[in-house]
PDB file of N, CA and C in Angstrom:
ATOM      1  N   MET A   1      36.220  15.728 109.178  1.00  0.00           N
ATOM      2  CA  MET A   1      35.240  16.031 109.572  1.00  0.00           C
ATOM      3  C   MET A   1      34.807  15.367 110.762  1.00  0.00           C
ATOM      4  N   LYS A   2      33.989  16.427 111.370  1.00  0.00           N
ATOM      5  CA  LYS A   2      33.743  15.736 113.074  1.00  0.00           C
ATOM      6  C   LYS A   2      32.318  14.724 113.097  1.00  0.00           C
ATOM      7  N   SER A   3      32.697  13.769 113.569  1.00  0.00           N
ATOM      8  CA  SER A   3      31.637  12.897 114.162  1.00  0.00           C
ATOM      9  C   SER A   3      31.005  13.275 114.863  1.00  0.00           C
ATOM     10  N   SER A   4      29.353  13.170 115.082  1.00  0.00           N
ATOM     11  CA  SER A   4      28.700  13.640 115.924  1.00  0.00           C
ATOM     12  C   SER A   4      27.389  12.852 116.267  1.00  0.00           C
ATOM     13  N   ASN A   5      26.787  12.651 117.331  1.00  0.00           N
ATOM     14  CA  ASN A   5      25.754  11.651 117.699  1.00  0.00           C
ATOM     15  C   ASN A   5      24.504  12.372 117.568  1.00  0.00           C
ATOM     16  N   HIS A   6      23.143  11.577 116.743  1.00  0.00           N
ATOM     17  CA  HIS A   6      22.365  12.247 116.191  1.00  0.00           C
ATOM     18  C   HIS A   6      21.435  11.591 117.571  1.00  0.00           C
ATOM     19  N   ILE A   7      20.853  12.446 117.700  1.00  0.00           N
ATOM     20  CA  ILE A   7      19.808  11.854 119.102  1.00  0.00           C
ATOM     21  C   ILE A   7      18.170  12.040 119.332  1.00  0.00           C
ATOM     22  N   VAL A   8      17.665  10.968 119.048  1.00  0.00           N
ATOM     23  CA  VAL A   8      16.064  11.284 119.555  1.00  0.00           C
ATOM     24  C   VAL A   8      15.624  11.094 120.413  1.00  0.00           C
ATOM     25  N   TYR A   9      14.844  12.255 121.486  1.00  0.00           N
ATOM     26  CA  TYR A   9      14.247  11.767 123.037  1.00  0.00           C
ATOM     27  C   TYR A   9      12.838  12.366 123.058  1.00  0.00           C
ATOM     28  N   ILE A  10      12.428  11.636 124.143  1.00  0.00           N
ATOM     29  CA  ILE A  10      11.243  11.789 124.194  1.00  0.00           C
ATOM     30  C   ILE A  10      11.228  12.386 125.888  1.00  0.00           C
ATOM     31  N   LEU A  11      10.503  13.442 125.836  1.00  0.00           N
ATOM     32  CA  LEU A  11      10.215  13.860 127.469  1.00  0.00           C
ATOM     33  C   LEU A  11       9.150  14.081 127.590  1.00  0.00           C
ATOM     34  N   GLU A  12       8.907  13.901 129.123  1.00  0.00           N
ATOM     35  CA  GLU A  12       7.370  14.074 129.563  1.00  0.00           C
ATOM     36  C   GLU A  12       7.505  15.240 130.456  1.00  0.00           C
ATOM     37  N   CYS A  13       6.368  15.999 129.927  1.00  0.00           N
ATOM     38  CA  CYS A  13       6.074  17.291 130.488  1.00  0.00           C
ATOM     39  C   CYS A  13       5.548  17.241 131.679  1.00  0.00           C
ATOM     40  N   ARG A  14       5.325  17.770 132.427  1.00  0.00           N
ATOM     41  CA  ARG A  14       4.381  18.538 134.029  1.00  0.00           C
ATOM     42  C   ARG A  14       3.448  17.826 133.982  1.00  0.00           C
ATOM     43  N   ASP A  15       2.475  18.154 132.888  1.00  0.00           N
ATOM     44  CA  ASP A  15       1.000  17.734 132.242  1.00  0.00           C
ATOM     45  C   ASP A  15       1.039  16.462 131.850  1.00  0.00           C
ATOM     46  N   GLY A  16       2.242  15.256 132.290  1.00  0.00           N
ATOM     47  CA  GLY A  16       1.812  13.975 131.438  1.00  0.00           C
ATOM     48  C   GLY A  16       1.948  13.765 130.201  1.00  0.00           C
ATOM     49  N   THR A  17       2.137  15.151 129.342  1.00  0.00           N
ATOM     50  CA  THR A  17       2.237  14.642 128.082  1.00  0.00           C
ATOM     51  C   THR A  17       3.974  14.313 127.663  1.00  0.00           C
ATOM     52  N   TYR A  18       3.703  13.801 126.023  1.00  0.00           N
ATOM     53  CA  TYR A  18       4.889  13.467 126.060  1.00  0.00           C
ATOM     54  C   TYR A  18       5.563  14.801 124.721  1.00  0.00           C
ATOM     55  N   TYR A  19       6.715  15.137 124.591  1.00  0.00           N
ATOM     56  CA  TYR A  19       7.452  15.861 123.509  1.00  0.00           C
ATOM     57  C   TYR A  19       8.751  15.092 123.161  1.00  0.00           C
ATOM     58  N   THR A  20       8.667  14.833 121.624  1.00  0.00           N
ATOM     59  CA  THR A  20       9.314  14.244 120.934  1.00  0.00           C
ATOM     60  C   THR A  20      10.295  15.014 120.308  1.00  0.00           C
ATOM     61  N   GLY A  21      11.965  14.963 120.473  1.00  0.00           N
ATOM     62  CA  GLY A  21      12.361  15.792 119.426  1.00  0.00           C
ATOM     63  C   GLY A  21      14.374  15.298 119.504  1.00  0.00           C
ATOM     64  N   TYR A  22      14.687  15.881 118.414  1.00  0.00           N
ATOM     65  CA  TYR A  22      16.005  15.438 118.051  1.00  0.00           C
ATOM     66  C   TYR A  22      16.998  17.061 118.147  1.00  0.00           C
ATOM     67  N   THR A  23      18.378  16.260 118.599  1.00  0.00           N
ATOM     68  CA  THR A  23      19.085  16.910 118.780  1.00  0.00           C
ATOM     69  C   THR A  23      20.913  16.201 118.597  1.00  0.00           C
ATOM     70  N   THR A  24      21.639  17.130 118.493  1.00  0.00           N
ATOM     71  CA  THR A  24      23.285  16.447 118.191  1.00  0.00           C
ATOM     72  C   THR A  24      23.864  16.748 119.864  1.00  0.00           C
ATOM     73  N   ASP A  25      23.053  17.320 120.788  1.00  0.00           N
ATOM     74  CA  ASP A  25      23.864  17.959 121.570  1.00  0.00           C
ATOM     75  C   ASP A  25      22.661  18.107 123.292  1.00  0.00           C
ATOM     76  N   LEU A  26      22.380  16.638 123.494  1.00  0.00           N
ATOM     77  CA  LEU A  26      20.855  16.695 124.379  1.00  0.00           C
ATOM     78  C   LEU A  26      21.482  17.413 125.601  1.00  0.00           C
ATOM     79  N   PRO A  27      22.053  17.174 126.532  1.00  0.00           N
ATOM     80  CA  PRO A  27      22.262  18.060 127.610  1.00  0.00           C
ATOM     81  C   PRO A  27      22.412  19.541 127.194  1.00  0.00           C
ATOM     82  N   HIS A  28      22.545  20.140 126.550  1.00  0.00           N
ATOM     83  CA  HIS A  28      22.387  21.330 126.159  1.00  0.00           C
ATOM     84  C   HIS A  28      20.550  22.107 125.576  1.00  0.00           C
ATOM     85  N   ARG A  29      20.892  20.633 124.659  1.00  0.00           N
ATOM     86  CA  ARG A  29      18.902  20.895 124.551  1.00  0.00           C
ATOM     87  C   ARG A  29      18.096  20.823 125.525  1.00  0.00           C
ATOM     88  N   MET A  30      18.390  20.035 126.682  1.00  0.00           N
ATOM     89  CA  MET A  30      17.790  20.070 127.843  1.00  0.00           C
ATOM     90  C   MET A  30      17.465  21.332 128.372  1.00  0.00           C
ATOM     91  N   GLU A  31      18.878  21.470 128.403  1.00  0.00           N
ATOM     92  CA  GLU A  31      18.583  23.141 129.152  1.00  0.00           C
ATOM     93  C   GLU A  31      18.038  24.334 128.292  1.00  0.00           C
ATOM     94  N   GLN A  32      18.016  24.592 127.482  1.00  0.00           N
ATOM     95  CA  GLN A  32      16.756  25.254 126.574  1.00  0.00           C
ATOM     96  C   GLN A  32      15.710  25.012 127.289  1.00  0.00           C
ATOM     97  N   HIS A  33      15.245  23.528 126.911  1.00  0.00           N
ATOM     98  CA  HIS A  33      13.888  23.392 127.574  1.00  0.00           C
ATOM     99  C   HIS A  33      13.273  23.366 128.371  1.00  0.00           C
ATOM    100  N   GLU A  34      14.519  23.418 129.480  1.00  0.00           N
ATOM    101  CA  GLU A  34      14.014  23.554 130.764  1.00  0.00           C
ATOM    102  C   GLU A  34      13.896  25.279 131.321  1.00  0.00           C
ATOM    103  N   CYS A  35      14.690  26.323 130.303  1.00  0.00           N
ATOM    104  CA  CYS A  35      14.759  27.583 130.214  1.00  0.00           C
ATOM    105  C   CYS A  35      13.489  28.376 129.146  1.00  0.00           C
ATOM    106  N   GLY A  36      12.691  27.129 128.951  1.00  0.00           N
ATOM    107  CA  GLY A  36      11.936  27.859 128.269  1.00  0.00           C
ATOM    108  C   GLY A  36      12.323  28.480 126.801  1.00  0.00           C
ATOM    109  N   LYS A  37      13.262  27.960 126.428  1.00  0.00           N
ATOM    110  CA  LYS A  37      13.907  28.600 125.096  1.00  0.00           C
ATOM    111  C   LYS A  37      14.029  27.584 123.916  1.00  0.00           C
ATOM    112  N   GLY A  38      13.293  26.126 124.411  1.00  0.00           N
ATOM    113  CA  GLY A  38      13.372  25.069 123.212  1.00  0.00           C
ATOM    114  C   GLY A  38      12.349  25.599 122.694  1.00  0.00           C
ATOM    115  N   ALA A  39      11.486  24.035 122.500  1.00  0.00           N
ATOM    116  CA  ALA A  39      10.374  24.308 121.396  1.00  0.00           C
ATOM    117  C   ALA A  39       9.031  24.240 121.949  1.00  0.00           C
ATOM    118  N   LYS A  40       8.195  25.754 121.345  1.00  0.00           N
ATOM    119  CA  LYS A  40       7.067  26.258 122.034  1.00  0.00           C
ATOM    120  C   LYS A  40       6.171  25.167 122.655  1.00  0.00           C
ATOM    121  N   TYR A  41       6.304  23.452 122.345  1.00  0.00           N
ATOM    122  CA  TYR A  41       5.135  22.915 123.139  1.00  0.00           C
ATOM    123  C   TYR A  41       5.621  22.901 124.465  1.00  0.00           C
ATOM    124  N   THR A  42       7.158  22.845 124.427  1.00  0.00           N
ATOM    125  CA  THR A  42       7.550  22.648 126.025  1.00  0.00           C
ATOM    126  C   THR A  42       7.623  23.324 126.830  1.00  0.00           C
ATOM    127  N   ARG A  43       7.444  24.754 126.532  1.00  0.00           N
ATOM    128  CA  ARG A  43       7.134  26.128 127.154  1.00  0.00           C
ATOM    129  C   ARG A  43       5.806  25.833 128.117  1.00  0.00           C
ATOM    130  N   GLY A  44       6.552  26.131 129.623  1.00  0.00           N
ATOM    131  CA  GLY A  44       5.086  26.223 130.087  1.00  0.00           C
ATOM    132  C   GLY A  44       4.725  24.800 131.087  1.00  0.00           C
ATOM    133  N   ARG A  45       5.274  23.961 130.110  1.00  0.00           N
ATOM    134  CA  ARG A  45       5.298  22.270 130.896  1.00  0.00           C
ATOM    135  C   ARG A  45       6.046  21.847 131.399  1.00  0.00           C
ATOM    136  N   ALA A  46       7.224  22.877 132.158  1.00  0.00           N
ATOM    137  CA  ALA A  46       8.108  22.512 132.836  1.00  0.00           C
ATOM    138  C   ALA A  46       7.374  21.905 134.616  1.00  0.00           C
ATOM    139  N   PRO A  47       8.386  21.193 135.113  1.00  0.00           N
ATOM    140  CA  PRO A  47       9.842  20.404 134.891  1.00  0.00           C
ATOM    141  C   PRO A  47       9.392  19.238 133.981  1.00  0.00           C
ATOM    142  N   LEU A  48      10.291  19.220 132.803  1.00  0.00           N
ATOM    143  CA  LEU A  48      10.550  18.142 132.010  1.00  0.00           C
ATOM    144  C   LEU A  48      11.275  16.738 132.528  1.00  0.00           C
ATOM    145  N   SER A  49      10.934  16.274 132.318  1.00  0.00           N
ATOM    146  CA  SER A  49      11.817  14.542 132.147  1.00  0.00           C
ATOM    147  C   SER A  49      12.107  13.475 131.059  1.00  0.00           C
ATOM    148  N   LEU A  50      13.574  13.579 131.164  1.00  0.00           N
ATOM    149  CA  LEU A  50      13.881  12.918 129.861  1.00  0.00           C
ATOM    150  C   LEU A  50      13.534  11.471 130.093  1.00  0.00           C
ATOM    151  N   VAL A  51      12.704  10.834 129.041  1.00  0.00           N
ATOM    152  CA  VAL A  51      11.983   9.715 129.419  1.00  0.00           C
ATOM    153  C   VAL A  51      12.871   8.384 128.573  1.00  0.00           C
ATOM    154  N   TYR A  52      13.309   8.908 127.494  1.00  0.00           N
ATOM    155  CA  TYR A  52      13.971   7.700 126.069  1.00  0.00           C
ATOM    156  C   TYR A  52      14.747   8.827 125.517  1.00  0.00           C
ATOM    157  N   GLN A  53      15.725   8.322 125.137  1.00  0.00           N
ATOM    158  CA  GLN A  53      16.823   8.547 123.901  1.00  0.00           C
ATOM    159  C   GLN A  53      17.628   7.727 123.559  1.00  0.00           C
ATOM    160  N   ALA A  54      17.824   7.737 121.987  1.00  0.00           N
ATOM    161  CA  ALA A  54      18.608   6.592 121.114  1.00  0.00           C
ATOM    162  C   ALA A  54      19.309   7.520 120.232  1.00  0.00           C
ATOM    163  N   VAL A  55      20.449   6.651 120.236  1.00  0.00           N
ATOM    164  CA  VAL A  55      21.565   7.288 119.094  1.00  0.00           C
ATOM    165  C   VAL A  55      21.873   6.901 117.919  1.00  0.00           C
ATOM    166  N   PHE A  56      21.799   7.764 116.710  1.00  0.00           N
ATOM    167  CA  PHE A  56      22.171   7.278 115.496  1.00  0.00           C
ATOM    168  C   PHE A  56      23.145   7.362 115.061  1.00  0.00           C
ATOM    169  N   GLU A  57      23.577   6.906 113.940  1.00  0.00           N
ATOM    170  CA  GLU A  57      25.057   7.288 113.427  1.00  0.00           C
ATOM    171  C   GLU A  57      25.046   8.638 112.216  1.00  0.00           C
ATOM    172  N   THR A  58      23.084   8.744 111.618  1.00  0.00           N
ATOM    173  CA  THR A  58      23.505   9.578 110.568  1.00  0.00           C
ATOM    174  C   THR A  58      22.129  10.608 111.401  1.00  0.00           C
ATOM    175  N   LYS A  59      22.257  11.777 110.782  1.00  0.00           N
ATOM    176  CA  LYS A  59      20.592  12.436 110.641  1.00  0.00           C
ATOM    177  C   LYS A  59      19.696  12.166 110.251  1.00  0.00           C
ATOM    178  N   ARG A  60      19.815  11.387 109.158  1.00  0.00           N
ATOM    179  CA  ARG A  60      18.755  10.661 108.430  1.00  0.00           C
ATOM    180  C   ARG A  60      18.108   9.792 109.332  1.00  0.00           C
ATOM    181  N   GLU A  61      18.582   9.057 109.756  1.00  0.00           N
ATOM    182  CA  GLU A  61      18.546   7.800 110.541  1.00  0.00           C
ATOM    183  C   GLU A  61      17.381   8.425 111.818  1.00  0.00           C
ATOM    184  N   ALA A  62      17.847   9.351 112.396  1.00  0.00           N
ATOM    185  CA  ALA A  62      17.323   9.963 113.537  1.00  0.00           C
ATOM    186  C   ALA A  62      16.007  11.012 113.417  1.00  0.00           C
ATOM    187  N   MET A  63      15.864  11.262 112.189  1.00  0.00           N
ATOM    188  CA  MET A  63      14.972  12.264 111.956  1.00  0.00           C
ATOM    189  C   MET A  63      13.958  11.449 111.518  1.00  0.00           C
ATOM    190  N   GLN A  64      14.259  10.227 111.017  1.00  0.00           N
ATOM    191  CA  GLN A  64      13.476   8.926 110.620  1.00  0.00           C
ATOM    192  C   GLN A  64      12.912   8.342 111.746  1.00  0.00           C
ATOM    193  N   GLU A  65      13.323   8.266 112.508  1.00  0.00           N
ATOM    194  CA  GLU A  65      12.710   7.763 114.129  1.00  0.00           C
ATOM    195  C   GLU A  65      11.986   8.322 114.605  1.00  0.00           C
ATOM    196  N   GLU A  66      12.367   9.972 114.433  1.00  0.00           N
ATOM    197  CA  GLU A  66      11.677  11.273 115.552  1.00  0.00           C
ATOM    198  C   GLU A  66      10.576  11.645 114.721  1.00  0.00           C
ATOM    199  N   TYR A  67      10.458  11.425 113.406  1.00  0.00           N
ATOM    200  CA  TYR A  67       9.060  11.270 112.361  1.00  0.00           C
ATOM    201  C   TYR A  67       7.584   9.908 113.118  1.00  0.00           C
ATOM    202  N   ARG A  68       8.863   8.671 112.771  1.00  0.00           N
ATOM    203  CA  ARG A  68       7.848   7.651 113.322  1.00  0.00           C
ATOM    204  C   ARG A  68       7.552   7.549 114.760  1.00  0.00           C
ATOM    205  N   ILE A  69       8.163   8.154 115.656  1.00  0.00           N
ATOM    206  CA  ILE A  69       8.250   8.004 116.912  1.00  0.00           C
ATOM    207  C   ILE A  69       6.662   9.359 117.069  1.00  0.00           C
ATOM    208  N   LYS A  70       6.527  10.483 116.656  1.00  0.00           N
ATOM    209  CA  LYS A  70       5.991  11.332 116.702  1.00  0.00           C
ATOM    210  C   LYS A  70       4.389  10.727 115.795  1.00  0.00           C
ATOM    211  N   GLN A  71       4.818   9.767 114.923  1.00  0.00           N
ATOM    212  CA  GLN A  71       3.292   9.295 114.599  1.00  0.00           C
ATOM    213  C   GLN A  71       3.026   8.371 115.523  1.00  0.00           C
ATOM    214  N   LEU A  72       3.240   7.696 116.418  1.00  0.00           N
ATOM    215  CA  LEU A  72       2.540   6.949 117.257  1.00  0.00           C
ATOM    216  C   LEU A  72       1.817   7.575 118.066  1.00  0.00           C
ATOM    217  N   THR A  73       0.867   6.732 118.847  1.00  0.00           N
ATOM    218  CA  THR A  73      -0.080   6.716 119.636  1.00  0.00           C
ATOM    219  C   THR A  73       0.440   7.218 121.426  1.00  0.00           C
ATOM    220  N   ARG A  74      -0.013   7.686 121.917  1.00  0.00           N
ATOM    221  CA  ARG A  74       0.252   7.503 123.337  1.00  0.00           C
ATOM    222  C   ARG A  74       0.680   6.125 124.033  1.00  0.00           C
ATOM    223  N   ALA A  75       0.389   5.091 123.793  1.00  0.00           N
ATOM    224  CA  ALA A  75       0.213   3.828 124.436  1.00  0.00           C
ATOM    225  C   ALA A  75       1.534   3.440 123.329  1.00  0.00           C
ATOM    226  N   GLN A  76       1.584   3.765 122.369  1.00  0.00           N
ATOM    227  CA  GLN A  76       2.680   2.908 121.679  1.00  0.00           C
ATOM    228  C   GLN A  76       4.068   3.565 122.015  1.00  0.00           C
ATOM    229  N   LYS A  77       3.558   5.190 122.288  1.00  0.00           N
ATOM    230  CA  LYS A  77       5.313   5.486 122.927  1.00  0.00           C
ATOM    231  C   LYS A  77       5.590   5.167 124.604  1.00  0.00           C
ATOM    232  N   GLU A  78       4.394   4.857 125.625  1.00  0.00           N
ATOM    233  CA  GLU A  78       4.791   4.471 126.533  1.00  0.00           C
ATOM    234  C   GLU A  78       5.150   2.614 126.723  1.00  0.00           C
ATOM    235  N   LYS A  79       4.985   2.457 125.540  1.00  0.00           N
ATOM    236  CA  LYS A  79       5.177   0.709 125.133  1.00  0.00           C
ATOM    237  C   LYS A  79       7.167   1.111 124.882  1.00  0.00           C
ATOM    238  N   ILE A  80       7.757   1.955 124.045  1.00  0.00           N
ATOM    239  CA  ILE A  80       8.585   2.445 123.764  1.00  0.00           C
ATOM    240  C   ILE A  80       9.259   2.834 125.165  1.00  0.00           C
ATOM    241  N   ILE A  81       8.998   4.065 125.817  1.00  0.00           N
ATOM    242  CA  ILE A  81       9.285   4.097 127.028  1.00  0.00           C
ATOM    243  C   ILE A  81       9.792   2.801 127.984  1.00  0.00           C
ATOM    244  N   THR A  82       9.119   2.063 128.482  1.00  0.00           N
ATOM    245  CA  THR A  82       9.037   1.059 129.064  1.00  0.00           C
ATOM    246  C   THR A  82      10.198   0.056 128.742  1.00  0.00           C
ATOM    247  N   GLU A  83       9.895  -0.174 127.820  1.00  0.00           N
ATOM    248  CA  GLU A  83      11.055  -1.079 126.881  1.00  0.00           C
ATOM    249  C   GLU A  83      12.434  -0.775 127.118  1.00  0.00           C
ATOM    250  N   GLU A  84      12.490   0.482 126.806  1.00  0.00           N
ATOM    251  CA  GLU A  84      13.781   1.247 127.362  1.00  0.00           C
ATOM    252  C   GLU A  84      14.330   1.237 128.297  1.00  0.00           C
ATOM    253  N   VAL A  85      13.324   1.416 129.651  1.00  0.00           N
ATOM    254  CA  VAL A  85      13.843   1.118 131.073  1.00  0.00           C
ATOM    255  C   VAL A  85      14.114  -0.027 131.617  1.00  0.00           C
ATOM    256  N   GLN A  86      13.062  -1.156 131.321  1.00  0.00           N
ATOM    257  CA  GLN A  86      13.709  -2.393 131.018  1.00  0.00           C
ATOM    258  C   GLN A  86      14.966  -3.001 130.507  1.00  0.00           C
ATOM    259  N   ILE A  87      14.888  -2.161 129.507  1.00  0.00           N
ATOM    260  CA  ILE A  87      16.643  -2.829 129.043  1.00  0.00           C
ATOM    261  C   ILE A  87      17.935  -1.758 129.828  1.00  0.00           C
ATOM    262  N   ASN A  88      17.698  -0.446 130.155  1.00  0.00           N
ATOM    263  CA  ASN A  88      18.543   0.101 130.845  1.00  0.00           C
ATOM    264  C   ASN A  88      18.928  -0.656 132.229  1.00  0.00           C
ATOM    265  N   GLU A  89      17.628  -1.324 132.814  1.00  0.00           N
ATOM    266  CA  GLU A  89      17.465  -2.381 134.467  1.00  0.00           C
ATOM    267  C   GLU A  89      18.135  -3.398 133.962  1.00  0.00           C
ATOM    268  N   GLU A  90      18.257  -4.085 132.762  1.00  0.00           N
ATOM    269  CA  GLU A  90      18.998  -5.173 132.738  1.00  0.00           C
ATOM    270  C   GLU A  90      20.432  -5.145 132.250  1.00  0.00           C
ATOM    271  N   SER A  91      21.077  -4.159 131.826  1.00  0.00           N
ATOM    272  CA  SER A  91      22.068  -3.635 131.423  1.00  0.00           C
ATOM    273  C   SER A  91      23.238  -3.239 132.791  1.00  0.00           C
ATOM    274  N   ALA A  92      22.214  -2.657 133.396  1.00  0.00           N
ATOM    275  CA  ALA A  92      22.735  -2.446 134.748  1.00  0.00           C
ATOM    276  C   ALA A  92      22.962  -3.353 135.654  1.00  0.00           C
ATOM    277  N   GLU A  93      22.037  -4.144 135.904  1.00  0.00           N
ATOM    278  CA  GLU A  93      22.035  -5.309 136.767  1.00  0.00           C
ATOM    279  C   GLU A  93      23.524  -6.589 135.906  1.00  0.00           C
ATOM    280  N   LEU A  94      23.561  -6.476 134.464  1.00  0.00           N
ATOM    281  CA  LEU A  94      24.670  -7.112 134.030  1.00  0.00           C
ATOM    282  C   LEU A  94      26.108  -6.713 134.365  1.00  0.00           C
ATOM    283  N   GLN A  95      25.982  -5.336 134.686  1.00  0.00           N
ATOM    284  CA  GLN A  95      27.056  -4.522 135.003  1.00  0.00           C
ATOM    285  C   GLN A  95      27.647  -4.799 136.647  1.00  0.00           C
ATOM    286  N   ARG A  96      26.751  -4.446 137.276  1.00  0.00           N
ATOM    287  CA  ARG A  96      26.794  -4.831 138.738  1.00  0.00           C
ATOM    288  C   ARG A  96      27.106  -6.415 138.905  1.00  0.00           C
ATOM    289  N   GLN A  97      26.941  -7.395 138.077  1.00  0.00           N
ATOM    290  CA  GLN A  97      27.471  -8.452 138.074  1.00  0.00           C
ATOM    291  C   GLN A  97      28.838  -8.981 137.765  1.00  0.00           C
ATOM    292  N   ARG A  98      29.112  -8.598 136.667  1.00  0.00           N
ATOM    293  CA  ARG A  98      30.273  -8.289 136.288  1.00  0.00           C
ATOM    294  C   ARG A  98      31.655  -7.747 137.064  1.00  0.00           C
ATOM    295  N   ASN A  99      31.009  -6.582 137.933  1.00  0.00           N
ATOM    296  CA  ASN A  99      31.907  -5.859 138.973  1.00  0.00           C
ATOM    297  C   ASN A  99      31.920  -6.940 140.451  1.00  0.00           C
ATOM    298  N   ARG A 100      30.938  -7.807 140.451  1.00  0.00           N
ATOM    299  CA  ARG A 100      31.439  -8.378 141.916  1.00  0.00           C
ATOM    300  C   ARG A 100      32.533  -9.238 141.799  1.00  0.00           C
TER     301      ARG A 100
END
Protein backbone atom coordinates (compact mmCIF):
# COMPACT_ATOMS: atom_id res chain seq x y z
CA MET A 1 0.00 0.00 0.00
CA LYS A 2 1.36 3.42 -1.00
CA SER A 3 2.18 5.81 1.79
CA SER A 4 1.13 9.37 1.14
CA ASN A 5 1.45 12.63 2.97
CA HIS A 6 -1.71 14.28 4.14
CA ILE A 7 -1.25 18.03 4.05
CA VAL A 8 -3.25 20.85 5.58
CA TYR A 9 -2.41 24.25 4.14
CA ILE A 10 -3.41 27.88 4.39
CA LEU A 11 -3.37 30.23 1.42
CA GLU A 12 -3.44 33.98 1.64
CA CYS A 13 -5.56 35.39 -1.17
CA ARG A 14 -5.01 38.64 -3.05
CA ASP A 15 -7.74 40.29 -0.98
CA GLY A 16 -5.97 39.35 2.26
CA THR A 17 -8.37 36.57 3.24
CA TYR A 18 -7.27 33.05 4.14
CA TYR A 19 -8.31 29.74 2.64
CA THR A 20 -7.61 26.48 4.49
CA GLY A 21 -7.52 23.19 2.62
CA TYR A 22 -6.41 19.57 2.59
CA THR A 23 -4.52 17.63 -0.08
CA THR A 24 -2.10 14.77 -0.66
CA ASP A 25 -0.34 16.59 -3.53
CA LEU A 26 0.35 20.22 -2.65
CA PRO A 27 2.09 21.29 -5.90
CA HIS A 28 -0.80 19.93 -7.98
CA ARG A 29 -3.40 21.50 -5.69
CA MET A 30 -1.65 24.88 -5.84
CA GLU A 31 -1.70 24.68 -9.63
CA GLN A 32 -5.44 23.95 -9.52
CA HIS A 33 -6.05 26.97 -7.29
CA GLU A 34 -3.95 29.28 -9.48
CA CYS A 35 -5.76 28.13 -12.65
CA GLY A 36 -9.18 28.75 -11.11
CA LYS A 37 -9.95 25.03 -10.93
CA GLY A 38 -9.52 24.69 -7.17
CA ALA A 39 -12.04 25.63 -4.52
CA LYS A 40 -14.76 28.12 -5.44
CA TYR A 41 -13.51 30.39 -2.67
CA THR A 42 -10.11 30.92 -4.29
CA ARG A 43 -11.44 31.59 -7.80
CA GLY A 44 -10.89 35.22 -8.68
CA ARG A 45 -8.74 35.77 -5.61
CA ALA A 46 -5.37 34.98 -7.22
CA PRO A 47 -2.51 35.45 -6.83
CA LEU A 48 -2.39 33.14 -3.86
CA SER A 49 0.44 32.72 -1.38
CA LEU A 50 1.10 29.53 0.55
CA VAL A 51 1.59 30.77 4.11
CA TYR A 52 1.30 27.56 6.14
CA GLN A 53 1.50 23.83 5.67
CA ALA A 54 1.54 20.86 8.03
CA VAL A 55 2.03 17.20 7.14
CA PHE A 56 0.17 14.37 8.86
CA GLU A 57 0.51 10.60 8.67
CA THR A 58 -3.19 9.92 8.33
CA LYS A 59 -6.06 11.51 6.48
CA ARG A 60 -8.08 11.52 9.69
CA GLU A 61 -5.48 13.61 11.54
CA ALA A 62 -5.21 16.04 8.65
CA MET A 63 -8.95 16.44 8.27
CA GLN A 64 -9.31 17.07 12.01
CA GLU A 65 -6.63 19.76 11.83
CA GLU A 66 -8.24 21.35 8.76
CA TYR A 67 -11.56 21.52 10.62
CA ARG A 68 -9.88 22.95 13.73
CA ILE A 69 -8.13 25.68 11.73
CA LYS A 70 -11.34 26.58 9.89
CA GLN A 71 -13.00 27.23 13.28
CA LEU A 72 -10.33 29.74 14.31
CA THR A 73 -10.60 33.50 14.12
CA ARG A 74 -8.42 35.43 11.69
CA ALA A 75 -6.15 36.49 14.58
CA GLN A 76 -5.72 32.88 15.69
CA LYS A 77 -4.87 31.81 12.13
CA GLU A 78 -2.32 34.61 11.89
CA LYS A 79 -0.71 33.38 15.11
CA ILE A 80 -0.35 29.87 13.63
CA ILE A 81 1.16 31.33 10.46
CA THR A 82 3.57 33.59 12.37
CA GLU A 83 4.72 30.73 14.60
CA GLU A 84 5.31 28.55 11.51
CA VAL A 85 7.44 31.27 9.89
CA GLN A 86 9.50 31.64 13.07
CA ILE A 87 10.06 27.88 13.25
CA ASN A 88 11.14 27.79 9.59
CA GLU A 89 13.53 30.71 10.11
CA GLU A 90 15.06 29.06 13.19
CA SER A 91 15.42 25.79 11.31
CA ALA A 92 17.13 27.55 8.39
CA GLU A 93 19.53 29.29 10.78
CA LEU A 94 20.43 25.97 12.44
CA GLN A 95 21.08 24.47 9.00
CA ARG A 96 23.35 27.41 8.07
CA GLN A 97 25.30 26.97 11.31
CA ARG A 98 25.77 23.26 10.62
CA ASN A 99 27.07 23.98 7.12
CA ARG A 100 29.81 26.35 8.35
